[in-house]
Amino acid sequence: MGVSVVIPTKNGERYIKDLLESLRAQTVKPEIIVIDSSSRDKTPEIAKHYADVFVSIREEEFNHGLTRNLGVKISKGDIVVFFSQDALPENDKTLEVLIKPIEEGKVVLSYARHIPPPGTKPPEVFFRLFSYPPKSEIRSAEDIPKYGLKTFSNSNVCSAYLKSALLEIGGFRRVILSEDLLACAMLVLRGYKVMYNAEARVFHAHDYPPFKLFQRYFSIGVFYAENSWLKKYGGRGDTLRFILEQMEYLSENAPFWIPYAILEDFLRVLGLIMGLNYRLIPKRFLGHLSGYKSYFLP
């Protein structure tokens, strides 16, 4: 099966060369497609040197779902892999391991484990450990009673899709973010199997300042408000479990970070609640609260 890698970029000069060089060194040789949102640094110059296809779009045209659909449309491969610009394969077999379950016909979606790189702040280290455990798992609609909404967990930071299955569900939707979770839900509910592939690993973590973290969770709230049908799948108490296990981890490994972690947890919850109720907020504030001004334009 042919493999195409799609990478949306914006001002990613700090990361993009390492990612592209790593992809060129993989045991699987993919077609590389970069879709750049009008970067103002050297990202386009670097990307053009390594990519097979380079596309530039206006900054306001970017959308997490629709921009990736553009990459799918351009791609030649039977398997389409998505990377975020700040992810880095752990080794030269990451891509090979990621796509293997798809090639074997076991699943139509495989997403990678995130490993926090050296220097990641302790609360974020725990977040990655909690969200991306060391054991792989194949999920299907049969797992919904057990896992609820978690059945649809997915991450386009590093993920691979059987292109025919992705096209069958109409590709990604125009959403503020979480296009990956929505696509996974649609695949699972159509009867396909998906995989959290812990053997395929990428270095990836976030270092959001407090307001940026709030904006992210506000946007997540908007996503769930606009896709309220997902509520019937509920959760399984993960928020409380996350906080309790986070406090235990930090008390044992980095106790001085506990106050900061509490602030982050408060901002997550506040952002989520406000995002869920975004329709009650004057429209002129939504772009600032979410960080995605163009999403709320007519």
C-alpha atoms as a PDB file:
ATOM      1  CA  MET A   1       0.000   0.000   0.000  1.00  0.00           C
ATOM      2  CA  GLY A   2       1.223   3.477  -0.830  1.00  0.00           C
ATOM      3  CA  VAL A   3       1.566   5.932   2.065  1.00  0.00           C
ATOM      4  CA  SER A   4       1.094   9.687   2.048  1.00  0.00           C
ATOM      5  CA  VAL A   5       1.942  11.941   4.998  1.00  0.00           C
ATOM      6  CA  VAL A   6       0.024  15.202   5.401  1.00  0.00           C
ATOM      7  CA  ILE A   7       1.422  17.941   7.650  1.00  0.00           C
ATOM      8  CA  PRO A   8      -0.432  21.218   8.281  1.00  0.00           C
ATOM      9  CA  THR A   9       2.054  23.939   9.215  1.00  0.00           C
ATOM     10  CA  LYS A  10       2.090  27.491  10.494  1.00  0.00           C
ATOM     11  CA  ASN A  11       5.230  29.258  11.713  1.00  0.00           C
ATOM     12  CA  GLY A  12       6.793  25.875  12.459  1.00  0.00           C
ATOM     13  CA  GLU A  13      10.410  26.744  11.673  1.00  0.00           C
ATOM     14  CA  ARG A  14      11.437  25.518  15.129  1.00  0.00           C
ATOM     15  CA  TYR A  15      10.237  21.972  14.416  1.00  0.00           C
ATOM     16  CA  ILE A  16       9.620  21.285  10.773  1.00  0.00           C
ATOM     17  CA  LYS A  17      13.128  20.449   9.565  1.00  0.00           C
ATOM     18  CA  ASP A  18      13.618  17.757  12.207  1.00  0.00           C
ATOM     19  CA  LEU A  19      10.226  16.227  11.406  1.00  0.00           C
ATOM     20  CA  LEU A  20      10.761  16.202   7.651  1.00  0.00           C
ATOM     21  CA  GLU A  21      14.273  14.779   7.937  1.00  0.00           C
ATOM     22  CA  SER A  22      12.953  12.060  10.238  1.00  0.00           C
ATOM     23  CA  LEU A  23      10.188  11.200   7.775  1.00  0.00           C
ATOM     24  CA  ARG A  24      12.695  10.968   4.948  1.00  0.00           C
ATOM     25  CA  ALA A  25      14.731   8.524   7.082  1.00  0.00           C
ATOM     26  CA  GLN A  26      11.811   6.188   7.845  1.00  0.00           C
ATOM     27  CA  THR A  27      11.907   2.554   6.721  1.00  0.00           C
ATOM     28  CA  VAL A  28       8.652   3.298   4.884  1.00  0.00           C
ATOM     29  CA  LYS A  29       9.136   5.941   2.200  1.00  0.00           C
ATOM     30  CA  PRO A  30       6.021   8.116   2.061  1.00  0.00           C
ATOM     31  CA  GLU A  31       4.803  10.871  -0.167  1.00  0.00           C
ATOM     32  CA  ILE A  32       5.108  14.046   1.940  1.00  0.00           C
ATOM     33  CA  ILE A  33       2.506  16.800   1.612  1.00  0.00           C
ATOM     34  CA  VAL A  34       2.840  20.080   3.520  1.00  0.00           C
ATOM     35  CA  ILE A  35      -0.073  22.498   3.710  1.00  0.00           C
ATOM     36  CA  ASP A  36       1.105  25.817   5.091  1.00  0.00           C
ATOM     37  CA  SER A  37      -1.148  28.526   6.507  1.00  0.00           C
ATOM     38  CA  SER A  38       0.784  31.616   5.364  1.00  0.00           C
ATOM     39  CA  SER A  39       3.741  31.189   7.707  1.00  0.00           C
ATOM     40  CA  ARG A  40       5.766  34.300   8.356  1.00  0.00           C
ATOM     41  CA  ASP A  41       8.992  32.465   9.186  1.00  0.00           C
ATOM     42  CA  LYS A  42      11.154  30.049   7.177  1.00  0.00           C
ATOM     43  CA  THR A  43       8.684  27.159   7.326  1.00  0.00           C
ATOM     44  CA  PRO A  44       7.752  27.357   3.598  1.00  0.00           C
ATOM     45  CA  GLU A  45      11.396  27.519   2.530  1.00  0.00           C
ATOM     46  CA  ILE A  46      12.306  24.469   4.630  1.00  0.00           C
ATOM     47  CA  ALA A  47       9.201  22.505   3.670  1.00  0.00           C
ATOM     48  CA  LYS A  48       9.687  23.036  -0.057  1.00  0.00           C
ATOM     49  CA  HIS A  49      13.148  21.510   0.221  1.00  0.00           C
ATOM     50  CA  TYR A  50      11.839  18.212   1.663  1.00  0.00           C
ATOM     51  CA  ALA A  51       8.198  17.850   0.651  1.00  0.00           C
ATOM     52  CA  ASP A  52       6.904  16.203  -2.507  1.00  0.00           C
ATOM     53  CA  VAL A  53       3.939  18.576  -2.534  1.00  0.00           C
ATOM     54  CA  PHE A  54       3.762  22.015  -0.940  1.00  0.00           C
ATOM     55  CA  VAL A  55       0.525  23.974  -0.769  1.00  0.00           C
ATOM     56  CA  SER A  56       0.049  27.438   0.703  1.00  0.00           C
ATOM     57  CA  ILE A  57      -3.343  28.611   1.938  1.00  0.00           C
ATOM     58  CA  ARG A  58      -4.447  31.861   3.521  1.00  0.00           C
ATOM     59  CA  GLU A  59      -4.254  31.900   7.310  1.00  0.00           C
ATOM     60  CA  GLU A  60      -7.991  32.490   7.620  1.00  0.00           C
ATOM     61  CA  GLU A  61      -8.724  29.483   5.388  1.00  0.00           C
ATOM     62  CA  PHE A  62      -7.244  27.010   7.847  1.00  0.00           C
ATOM     63  CA  ASN A  63      -9.596  24.584   9.538  1.00  0.00           C
ATOM     64  CA  HIS A  64      -8.521  21.465  11.418  1.00  0.00           C
ATOM     65  CA  GLY A  65     -10.867  19.264   9.430  1.00  0.00           C
ATOM     66  CA  LEU A  66     -11.122  20.885   6.007  1.00  0.00           C
ATOM     67  CA  THR A  67      -7.398  21.589   5.626  1.00  0.00           C
ATOM     68  CA  ARG A  68      -6.651  17.927   6.266  1.00  0.00           C
ATOM     69  CA  ASN A  69      -9.295  16.997   3.703  1.00  0.00           C
ATOM     70  CA  LEU A  70      -7.323  19.032   1.182  1.00  0.00           C
ATOM     71  CA  GLY A  71      -4.310  16.867   1.966  1.00  0.00           C
ATOM     72  CA  VAL A  72      -6.369  13.709   1.505  1.00  0.00           C
ATOM     73  CA  LYS A  73      -7.609  14.959  -1.855  1.00  0.00           C
ATOM     74  CA  ILE A  74      -4.059  15.637  -3.046  1.00  0.00           C
ATOM     75  CA  SER A  75      -2.576  12.410  -1.661  1.00  0.00           C
ATOM     76  CA  LYS A  76      -1.709   9.416  -3.822  1.00  0.00           C
ATOM     77  CA  GLY A  77      -1.369   6.816  -1.051  1.00  0.00           C
ATOM     78  CA  ASP A  78      -3.869   4.172   0.025  1.00  0.00           C
ATOM     79  CA  ILE A  79      -2.986   5.087   3.612  1.00  0.00           C
ATOM     80  CA  VAL A  80      -2.957   8.725   4.711  1.00  0.00           C
ATOM     81  CA  VAL A  81      -0.891   9.644   7.765  1.00  0.00           C
ATOM     82  CA  PHE A  82      -1.258  12.936   9.597  1.00  0.00           C
ATOM     83  CA  PHE A  83       1.474  14.574  11.639  1.00  0.00           C
ATOM     84  CA  SER A  84       1.385  17.846  13.513  1.00  0.00           C
ATOM     85  CA  GLN A  85       4.416  20.020  12.882  1.00  0.00           C
ATOM     86  CA  ASP A  86       5.681  19.696  16.479  1.00  0.00           C
ATOM     87  CA  ALA A  87       5.634  15.884  16.597  1.00  0.00           C
ATOM     88  CA  LEU A  88       8.797  13.855  16.021  1.00  0.00           C
ATOM     89  CA  PRO A  89       8.979  10.098  15.340  1.00  0.00           C
ATOM     90  CA  GLU A  90      10.837   8.247  18.081  1.00  0.00           C
ATOM     91  CA  ASN A  91      12.826   6.164  15.590  1.00  0.00           C
ATOM     92  CA  ASP A  92      13.030   5.226  11.913  1.00  0.00           C
ATOM     93  CA  LYS A  93      10.357   2.510  12.234  1.00  0.00           C
ATOM     94  CA  THR A  94       7.606   4.686  13.714  1.00  0.00           C
ATOM     95  CA  LEU A  95       5.752   4.970  10.415  1.00  0.00           C
ATOM     96  CA  GLU A  96       6.188   1.280   9.626  1.00  0.00           C
ATOM     97  CA  VAL A  97       4.768   0.255  13.004  1.00  0.00           C
ATOM     98  CA  LEU A  98       1.949   2.807  12.786  1.00  0.00           C
ATOM     99  CA  ILE A  99       0.565   1.581   9.466  1.00  0.00           C
ATOM    100  CA  LYS A 100       1.147  -2.165   9.955  1.00  0.00           C
ATOM    101  CA  PRO A 101      -2.274  -2.916  11.556  1.00  0.00           C
ATOM    102  CA  ILE A 102      -3.951  -1.167   8.598  1.00  0.00           C
ATOM    103  CA  GLU A 103      -1.884  -3.072   6.050  1.00  0.00           C
ATOM    104  CA  GLU A 104      -2.826  -6.313   7.827  1.00  0.00           C
ATOM    105  CA  GLY A 105      -6.508  -5.435   7.590  1.00  0.00           C
ATOM    106  CA  LYS A 106      -7.045  -5.355  11.355  1.00  0.00           C
ATOM    107  CA  VAL A 107      -8.147  -1.709  11.615  1.00  0.00           C
ATOM    108  CA  VAL A 108      -8.804   1.346   9.442  1.00  0.00           C
ATOM    109  CA  LEU A 109      -7.274   3.837  11.887  1.00  0.00           C
ATOM    110  CA  SER A 110      -4.086   3.651  13.956  1.00  0.00           C
ATOM    111  CA  TYR A 111      -2.834   6.467  16.166  1.00  0.00           C
ATOM    112  CA  ALA A 112       0.456   6.772  18.008  1.00  0.00           C
ATOM    113  CA  ARG A 113       1.548   7.084  21.606  1.00  0.00           C
ATOM    114  CA  HIS A 114       2.875  10.502  22.690  1.00  0.00           C
ATOM    115  CA  ILE A 115       6.144  10.518  24.624  1.00  0.00           C
ATOM    116  CA  PRO A 116       6.894  13.802  26.433  1.00  0.00           C
ATOM    117  CA  PRO A 117      10.321  15.060  25.308  1.00  0.00           C
ATOM    118  CA  PRO A 118      13.027  15.962  27.825  1.00  0.00           C
ATOM    119  CA  GLY A 119      12.310  19.235  29.610  1.00  0.00           C
ATOM    120  CA  THR A 120       8.531  18.887  29.539  1.00  0.00           C
ATOM    121  CA  LYS A 121       6.944  20.396  32.642  1.00  0.00           C
ATOM    122  CA  PRO A 122       5.720  17.742  35.132  1.00  0.00           C
ATOM    123  CA  PRO A 123       1.956  18.391  34.817  1.00  0.00           C
ATOM    124  CA  GLU A 124       2.219  17.919  31.057  1.00  0.00           C
ATOM    125  CA  VAL A 125       4.330  14.786  31.526  1.00  0.00           C
ATOM    126  CA  PHE A 126       1.518  13.327  33.594  1.00  0.00           C
ATOM    127  CA  PHE A 127      -1.086  14.393  31.024  1.00  0.00           C
ATOM    128  CA  ARG A 128       0.761  12.440  28.312  1.00  0.00           C
ATOM    129  CA  LEU A 129       1.242   9.396  30.558  1.00  0.00           C
ATOM    130  CA  PHE A 130      -2.448   9.433  31.505  1.00  0.00           C
ATOM    131  CA  SER A 131      -3.742   9.935  27.974  1.00  0.00           C
ATOM    132  CA  TYR A 132      -1.284   7.662  26.169  1.00  0.00           C
ATOM    133  CA  PRO A 133      -0.594   4.529  28.257  1.00  0.00           C
ATOM    134  CA  PRO A 134       1.992   1.888  27.278  1.00  0.00           C
ATOM    135  CA  LYS A 135      -0.491  -0.798  26.184  1.00  0.00           C
ATOM    136  CA  SER A 136      -1.980  -0.919  22.688  1.00  0.00           C
ATOM    137  CA  GLU A 137      -5.710  -1.414  22.238  1.00  0.00           C
ATOM    138  CA  ILE A 138      -8.067  -2.172  19.372  1.00  0.00           C
ATOM    139  CA  ARG A 139     -11.534  -0.705  19.852  1.00  0.00           C
ATOM    140  CA  SER A 140     -14.876  -1.207  18.137  1.00  0.00           C
ATOM    141  CA  ALA A 141     -18.534  -0.398  18.719  1.00  0.00           C
ATOM    142  CA  GLU A 142     -18.665  -3.358  21.101  1.00  0.00           C
ATOM    143  CA  ASP A 143     -16.441  -1.405  23.501  1.00  0.00           C
ATOM    144  CA  ILE A 144     -18.811   1.560  23.862  1.00  0.00           C
ATOM    145  CA  PRO A 145     -20.612   0.152  26.950  1.00  0.00           C
ATOM    146  CA  LYS A 146     -17.215  -0.230  28.631  1.00  0.00           C
ATOM    147  CA  TYR A 147     -15.436   2.943  27.561  1.00  0.00           C
ATOM    148  CA  GLY A 148     -18.166   5.359  26.524  1.00  0.00           C
ATOM    149  CA  LEU A 149     -16.769   8.392  24.736  1.00  0.00           C
ATOM    150  CA  LYS A 150     -13.212   7.146  25.268  1.00  0.00           C
ATOM    151  CA  THR A 151     -13.923   4.521  22.595  1.00  0.00           C
ATOM    152  CA  PHE A 152     -13.484   7.333  20.083  1.00  0.00           C
ATOM    153  CA  SER A 153     -10.142   8.623  21.425  1.00  0.00           C
ATOM    154  CA  ASN A 154      -7.808   9.576  18.606  1.00  0.00           C
ATOM    155  CA  SER A 155      -5.052  12.065  17.821  1.00  0.00           C
ATOM    156  CA  ASN A 156      -4.062  13.544  14.490  1.00  0.00           C
ATOM    157  CA  VAL A 157      -0.756  14.533  16.051  1.00  0.00           C
ATOM    158  CA  CYS A 158       0.296  11.202  14.555  1.00  0.00           C
ATOM    159  CA  SER A 159      -2.383   9.000  13.015  1.00  0.00           C
ATOM    160  CA  ALA A 160      -2.879   6.774   9.982  1.00  0.00           C
ATOM    161  CA  TYR A 161      -6.139   6.142   8.115  1.00  0.00           C
ATOM    162  CA  LEU A 162      -7.159   3.760   5.379  1.00  0.00           C
ATOM    163  CA  LYS A 163      -8.074   6.420   2.845  1.00  0.00           C
ATOM    164  CA  SER A 164     -11.043   4.543   1.402  1.00  0.00           C
ATOM    165  CA  ALA A 165     -12.636   4.298   4.872  1.00  0.00           C
ATOM    166  CA  LEU A 166     -11.997   7.975   5.584  1.00  0.00           C
ATOM    167  CA  LEU A 167     -13.587   8.946   2.276  1.00  0.00           C
ATOM    168  CA  GLU A 168     -16.524   6.634   3.019  1.00  0.00           C
ATOM    169  CA  ILE A 169     -17.481   8.808   6.002  1.00  0.00           C
ATOM    170  CA  GLY A 170     -17.018  11.966   3.936  1.00  0.00           C
ATOM    171  CA  GLY A 171     -13.626  12.874   5.365  1.00  0.00           C
ATOM    172  CA  PHE A 172     -13.208  15.257   8.275  1.00  0.00           C
ATOM    173  CA  ARG A 173     -15.880  17.756   9.216  1.00  0.00           C
ATOM    174  CA  ARG A 174     -15.602  21.518   9.588  1.00  0.00           C
ATOM    175  CA  VAL A 175     -15.145  21.741  13.351  1.00  0.00           C
ATOM    176  CA  ILE A 176     -13.221  24.122  15.593  1.00  0.00           C
ATOM    177  CA  LEU A 177     -10.967  21.204  16.620  1.00  0.00           C
ATOM    178  CA  SER A 178     -11.282  17.511  17.631  1.00  0.00           C
ATOM    179  CA  GLU A 179     -11.781  16.545  14.003  1.00  0.00           C
ATOM    180  CA  ASP A 180      -9.830  13.398  14.851  1.00  0.00           C
ATOM    181  CA  LEU A 181     -12.204  12.258  17.615  1.00  0.00           C
ATOM    182  CA  LEU A 182     -15.229  12.938  15.410  1.00  0.00           C
ATOM    183  CA  ALA A 183     -13.789  10.941  12.504  1.00  0.00           C
ATOM    184  CA  CYS A 184     -12.949   8.071  14.831  1.00  0.00           C
ATOM    185  CA  ALA A 185     -16.499   8.068  16.223  1.00  0.00           C
ATOM    186  CA  MET A 186     -17.962   7.955  12.726  1.00  0.00           C
ATOM    187  CA  LEU A 187     -15.685   5.068  11.722  1.00  0.00           C
ATOM    188  CA  VAL A 188     -16.460   3.063  14.860  1.00  0.00           C
ATOM    189  CA  LEU A 189     -20.197   3.630  14.536  1.00  0.00           C
ATOM    190  CA  ARG A 190     -20.003   2.483  10.911  1.00  0.00           C
ATOM    191  CA  GLY A 191     -18.648  -0.838  12.144  1.00  0.00           C
ATOM    192  CA  TYR A 192     -14.911  -0.363  11.667  1.00  0.00           C
ATOM    193  CA  LYS A 193     -12.174  -1.132  14.185  1.00  0.00           C
ATOM    194  CA  VAL A 194      -9.611   1.448  15.292  1.00  0.00           C
ATOM    195  CA  MET A 195      -6.359   1.136  17.218  1.00  0.00           C
ATOM    196  CA  TYR A 196      -4.402   3.006  19.825  1.00  0.00           C
ATOM    197  CA  ASN A 197      -0.956   1.850  18.723  1.00  0.00           C
ATOM    198  CA  ALA A 198       1.365   2.285  21.690  1.00  0.00           C
ATOM    199  CA  GLU A 199       4.257   0.658  19.807  1.00  0.00           C
ATOM    200  CA  ALA A 200       4.315   3.575  17.369  1.00  0.00           C
ATOM    201  CA  ARG A 201       5.701   6.466  19.370  1.00  0.00           C
ATOM    202  CA  VAL A 202       6.290  10.146  18.735  1.00  0.00           C
ATOM    203  CA  PHE A 203       7.833  12.808  20.919  1.00  0.00           C
ATOM    204  CA  HIS A 204       5.145  15.366  21.553  1.00  0.00           C
ATOM    205  CA  ALA A 205       3.899  17.597  24.359  1.00  0.00           C
ATOM    206  CA  HIS A 206       2.416  21.058  24.775  1.00  0.00           C
ATOM    207  CA  ASP A 207       3.709  23.972  26.793  1.00  0.00           C
ATOM    208  CA  TYR A 208       0.625  26.168  26.805  1.00  0.00           C
ATOM    209  CA  PRO A 209       0.633  29.334  28.883  1.00  0.00           C
ATOM    210  CA  PRO A 210      -2.479  29.571  31.087  1.00  0.00           C
ATOM    211  CA  PHE A 211      -4.702  31.606  28.740  1.00  0.00           C
ATOM    212  CA  LYS A 212      -3.782  29.431  25.750  1.00  0.00           C
ATOM    213  CA  LEU A 213      -4.800  26.375  27.782  1.00  0.00           C
ATOM    214  CA  PHE A 214      -8.111  28.064  28.588  1.00  0.00           C
ATOM    215  CA  GLN A 215      -8.621  28.795  24.874  1.00  0.00           C
ATOM    216  CA  ARG A 216      -8.010  25.169  23.964  1.00  0.00           C
ATOM    217  CA  TYR A 217     -10.590  23.877  26.413  1.00  0.00           C
ATOM    218  CA  PHE A 218     -13.043  26.606  25.467  1.00  0.00           C
ATOM    219  CA  SER A 219     -12.736  25.326  21.895  1.00  0.00           C
ATOM    220  CA  ILE A 220     -13.236  21.746  23.065  1.00  0.00           C
ATOM    221  CA  GLY A 221     -16.423  22.919  24.761  1.00  0.00           C
ATOM    222  CA  VAL A 222     -17.560  24.538  21.520  1.00  0.00           C
ATOM    223  CA  PHE A 223     -16.909  21.270  19.715  1.00  0.00           C
ATOM    224  CA  TYR A 224     -19.093  19.304  22.122  1.00  0.00           C
ATOM    225  CA  ALA A 225     -21.798  21.965  22.042  1.00  0.00           C
ATOM    226  CA  GLU A 226     -21.924  21.676  18.260  1.00  0.00           C
ATOM    227  CA  ASN A 227     -21.781  17.884  18.323  1.00  0.00           C
ATOM    228  CA  SER A 228     -24.138  17.295  21.208  1.00  0.00           C
ATOM    229  CA  TRP A 229     -25.108  13.860  19.880  1.00  0.00           C
ATOM    230  CA  LEU A 230     -21.839  12.607  21.381  1.00  0.00           C
ATOM    231  CA  LYS A 231     -23.202  13.295  24.883  1.00  0.00           C
ATOM    232  CA  LYS A 232     -25.232  10.105  24.815  1.00  0.00           C
ATOM    233  CA  TYR A 233     -21.960   8.163  24.932  1.00  0.00           C
ATOM    234  CA  GLY A 234     -21.084  10.017  28.136  1.00  0.00           C
ATOM    235  CA  GLY A 235     -17.825   9.663  30.002  1.00  0.00           C
ATOM    236  CA  ARG A 236     -16.581   7.261  32.590  1.00  0.00           C
ATOM    237  CA  GLY A 237     -15.436   9.575  35.370  1.00  0.00           C
ATOM    238  CA  ASP A 238     -12.130  10.358  33.664  1.00  0.00           C
ATOM    239  CA  THR A 239     -12.000  13.994  34.850  1.00  0.00           C
ATOM    240  CA  LEU A 240     -12.061  13.076  38.530  1.00  0.00           C
ATOM    241  CA  ARG A 241      -9.716  10.142  37.980  1.00  0.00           C
ATOM    242  CA  PHE A 242      -7.328  12.403  36.072  1.00  0.00           C
ATOM    243  CA  ILE A 243      -7.172  14.967  38.895  1.00  0.00           C
ATOM    244  CA  LEU A 244      -6.726  12.375  41.643  1.00  0.00           C
ATOM    245  CA  GLU A 245      -3.994  10.506  39.782  1.00  0.00           C
ATOM    246  CA  GLN A 246      -2.352  13.789  38.772  1.00  0.00           C
ATOM    247  CA  MET A 247      -2.113  14.892  42.400  1.00  0.00           C
ATOM    248  CA  GLU A 248      -0.675  11.527  43.390  1.00  0.00           C
ATOM    249  CA  TYR A 249       1.902  11.647  40.574  1.00  0.00           C
ATOM    250  CA  LEU A 250       2.993  15.191  41.356  1.00  0.00           C
ATOM    251  CA  SER A 251       3.141  14.634  45.108  1.00  0.00           C
ATOM    252  CA  GLU A 252       5.587  11.800  44.468  1.00  0.00           C
ATOM    253  CA  ASN A 253       7.597  13.350  41.641  1.00  0.00           C
ATOM    254  CA  ALA A 254       7.248  17.149  41.590  1.00  0.00           C
ATOM    255  CA  PRO A 255       5.277  18.489  44.591  1.00  0.00           C
ATOM    256  CA  PHE A 256       6.174  22.121  43.910  1.00  0.00           C
ATOM    257  CA  TRP A 257       4.179  21.897  40.671  1.00  0.00           C
ATOM    258  CA  ILE A 258       0.909  21.056  42.444  1.00  0.00           C
ATOM    259  CA  PRO A 259      -0.349  24.686  42.718  1.00  0.00           C
ATOM    260  CA  TYR A 260       0.311  25.229  39.014  1.00  0.00           C
ATOM    261  CA  ALA A 261      -1.444  21.972  38.140  1.00  0.00           C
ATOM    262  CA  ILE A 262      -4.475  23.045  40.182  1.00  0.00           C
ATOM    263  CA  LEU A 263      -4.563  26.318  38.224  1.00  0.00           C
ATOM    264  CA  GLU A 264      -4.402  24.378  34.940  1.00  0.00           C
ATOM    265  CA  ASP A 265      -7.207  22.052  36.032  1.00  0.00           C
ATOM    266  CA  PHE A 266      -9.358  25.056  36.966  1.00  0.00           C
ATOM    267  CA  LEU A 267      -8.736  26.650  33.562  1.00  0.00           C
ATOM    268  CA  ARG A 268      -9.576  23.405  31.779  1.00  0.00           C
ATOM    269  CA  VAL A 269     -12.907  23.094  33.574  1.00  0.00           C
ATOM    270  CA  LEU A 270     -13.731  26.810  33.221  1.00  0.00           C
ATOM    271  CA  GLY A 271     -12.876  26.800  29.524  1.00  0.00           C
ATOM    272  CA  LEU A 272     -14.910  23.662  28.896  1.00  0.00           C
ATOM    273  CA  ILE A 273     -17.992  24.998  30.711  1.00  0.00           C
ATOM    274  CA  MET A 274     -17.843  28.346  28.928  1.00  0.00           C
ATOM    275  CA  GLY A 275     -17.302  26.645  25.572  1.00  0.00           C
ATOM    276  CA  LEU A 276     -20.291  24.372  26.120  1.00  0.00           C
ATOM    277  CA  ASN A 277     -22.332  27.545  26.617  1.00  0.00           C
ATOM    278  CA  TYR A 278     -20.674  29.619  23.903  1.00  0.00           C
ATOM    279  CA  ARG A 279     -23.997  30.495  22.280  1.00  0.00           C
ATOM    280  CA  LEU A 280     -24.763  32.664  25.324  1.00  0.00           C
ATOM    281  CA  ILE A 281     -21.605  34.746  24.762  1.00  0.00           C
ATOM    282  CA  PRO A 282     -21.615  37.764  22.407  1.00  0.00           C
ATOM    283  CA  LYS A 283     -20.153  36.704  19.072  1.00  0.00           C
ATOM    284  CA  ARG A 284     -17.502  39.415  19.077  1.00  0.00           C
ATOM    285  CA  PHE A 285     -15.755  37.708  22.014  1.00  0.00           C
ATOM    286  CA  LEU A 286     -15.704  34.153  20.644  1.00  0.00           C
ATOM    287  CA  GLY A 287     -12.625  34.530  18.475  1.00  0.00           C
ATOM    288  CA  HIS A 288     -10.602  35.837  21.396  1.00  0.00           C
ATOM    289  CA  LEU A 289     -11.866  33.189  23.822  1.00  0.00           C
ATOM    290  CA  SER A 290     -11.156  30.336  21.412  1.00  0.00           C
ATOM    291  CA  GLY A 291      -8.155  31.599  19.466  1.00  0.00           C
ATOM    292  CA  TYR A 292      -9.945  30.730  16.182  1.00  0.00           C
ATOM    293  CA  LYS A 293     -11.399  34.011  14.968  1.00  0.00           C
ATOM    294  CA  SER A 294     -12.113  32.826  11.438  1.00  0.00           C
ATOM    295  CA  TYR A 295     -14.190  29.890  12.674  1.00  0.00           C
ATOM    296  CA  PHE A 296     -16.953  32.202  13.854  1.00  0.00           C
ATOM    297  CA  LEU A 297     -17.035  34.394  10.749  1.00  0.00           C
ATOM    298  CA  PRO A 298     -20.106  34.101   8.484  1.00  0.00           C
END
